[in-house]
């Protein structure tokens, strides 16, 4: 599989609202800063796990 195909398997949950709270979580997509930076290095399995976890995160913009 070429690199471009790999990058399209699990798309980023980014919604272009890039604002971080005090705990380094993005209030737009609910990912931690490290998850955002490492997204393209993660396997599809890791990306899928993060995507499932995002729906349960309660990110406070002020925390």
C-alpha atoms as a PDB file:
ATOM      1  CA  UNK A   1       0.000   0.000   0.000  1.00  0.00           C
ATOM      2  CA  UNK A   2       1.434   3.380  -0.930  1.00  0.00           C
ATOM      3  CA  UNK A   3       1.745   6.240   1.546  1.00  0.00           C
ATOM      4  CA  UNK A   4      -1.155   8.261   0.116  1.00  0.00           C
ATOM      5  CA  UNK A   5      -3.544   5.325   0.418  1.00  0.00           C
ATOM      6  CA  UNK A   6      -2.416   4.720   3.975  1.00  0.00           C
ATOM      7  CA  UNK A   7      -3.111   8.336   4.939  1.00  0.00           C
ATOM      8  CA  UNK A   8      -6.689   8.071   3.656  1.00  0.00           C
ATOM      9  CA  UNK A   9      -7.715   4.916   5.497  1.00  0.00           C
ATOM     10  CA  UNK A  10      -8.833   6.599   8.731  1.00  0.00           C
ATOM     11  CA  UNK A  11      -9.348  10.320   8.244  1.00  0.00           C
ATOM     12  CA  UNK A  12      -8.486  12.911  10.830  1.00  0.00           C
ATOM     13  CA  UNK A  13     -11.344  14.070  13.074  1.00  0.00           C
ATOM     14  CA  UNK A  14     -10.106  17.662  12.758  1.00  0.00           C
ATOM     15  CA  UNK A  15     -12.934  20.204  12.394  1.00  0.00           C
ATOM     16  CA  UNK A  16     -10.606  23.217  11.966  1.00  0.00           C
ATOM     17  CA  UNK A  17     -11.381  24.655  15.402  1.00  0.00           C
ATOM     18  CA  UNK A  18      -7.861  24.451  16.772  1.00  0.00           C
ATOM     19  CA  UNK A  19      -8.024  25.838  20.292  1.00  0.00           C
ATOM     20  CA  UNK A  20      -6.388  24.060  23.205  1.00  0.00           C
ATOM     21  CA  UNK A  21      -7.521  24.020  26.812  1.00  0.00           C
ATOM     22  CA  UNK A  22      -5.160  24.028  29.789  1.00  0.00           C
ATOM     23  CA  UNK A  23      -4.745  20.244  29.581  1.00  0.00           C
ATOM     24  CA  UNK A  24      -3.586  20.405  25.929  1.00  0.00           C
ATOM     25  CA  UNK A  25      -6.814  18.973  24.509  1.00  0.00           C
ATOM     26  CA  UNK A  26      -8.242  20.534  21.368  1.00  0.00           C
ATOM     27  CA  UNK A  27     -11.763  21.806  22.042  1.00  0.00           C
ATOM     28  CA  UNK A  28     -12.623  21.277  18.360  1.00  0.00           C
ATOM     29  CA  UNK A  29     -11.793  17.603  17.847  1.00  0.00           C
ATOM     30  CA  UNK A  30     -11.230  16.510  21.484  1.00  0.00           C
ATOM     31  CA  UNK A  31      -7.810  15.046  20.734  1.00  0.00           C
ATOM     32  CA  UNK A  32      -4.792  15.620  22.921  1.00  0.00           C
ATOM     33  CA  UNK A  33      -2.026  17.663  21.351  1.00  0.00           C
ATOM     34  CA  UNK A  34       0.209  14.581  21.151  1.00  0.00           C
ATOM     35  CA  UNK A  35      -2.523  12.629  19.315  1.00  0.00           C
ATOM     36  CA  UNK A  36      -2.797  15.424  16.763  1.00  0.00           C
ATOM     37  CA  UNK A  37       0.951  15.637  16.181  1.00  0.00           C
ATOM     38  CA  UNK A  38       1.345  11.848  15.912  1.00  0.00           C
ATOM     39  CA  UNK A  39      -1.841  11.129  13.911  1.00  0.00           C
ATOM     40  CA  UNK A  40      -0.071  10.315  10.633  1.00  0.00           C
ATOM     41  CA  UNK A  41       2.340   7.964  12.410  1.00  0.00           C
ATOM     42  CA  UNK A  42      -0.424   5.913  14.048  1.00  0.00           C
ATOM     43  CA  UNK A  43      -1.617   2.595  12.669  1.00  0.00           C
ATOM     44  CA  UNK A  44      -5.230   2.276  11.518  1.00  0.00           C
ATOM     45  CA  UNK A  45      -5.925   0.304  14.685  1.00  0.00           C
ATOM     46  CA  UNK A  46      -4.633   3.136  16.870  1.00  0.00           C
ATOM     47  CA  UNK A  47      -6.566   5.743  14.895  1.00  0.00           C
ATOM     48  CA  UNK A  48      -9.733   3.669  15.220  1.00  0.00           C
ATOM     49  CA  UNK A  49      -9.234   3.359  18.984  1.00  0.00           C
ATOM     50  CA  UNK A  50      -8.778   7.120  19.305  1.00  0.00           C
ATOM     51  CA  UNK A  51     -11.868   7.800  17.183  1.00  0.00           C
ATOM     52  CA  UNK A  52     -13.964   5.536  19.430  1.00  0.00           C
ATOM     53  CA  UNK A  53     -12.586   7.225  22.537  1.00  0.00           C
ATOM     54  CA  UNK A  54     -13.315  10.744  21.261  1.00  0.00           C
ATOM     55  CA  UNK A  55     -17.070  10.295  21.608  1.00  0.00           C
ATOM     56  CA  UNK A  56     -16.709   9.639  25.335  1.00  0.00           C
ATOM     57  CA  UNK A  57     -14.401  12.555  26.093  1.00  0.00           C
ATOM     58  CA  UNK A  58     -15.880  15.559  27.832  1.00  0.00           C
ATOM     59  CA  UNK A  59     -13.413  18.318  27.008  1.00  0.00           C
ATOM     60  CA  UNK A  60     -13.888  21.587  28.869  1.00  0.00           C
ATOM     61  CA  UNK A  61     -12.589  24.584  26.945  1.00  0.00           C
ATOM     62  CA  UNK A  62     -11.543  26.246  30.194  1.00  0.00           C
ATOM     63  CA  UNK A  63      -9.732  23.342  31.857  1.00  0.00           C
END
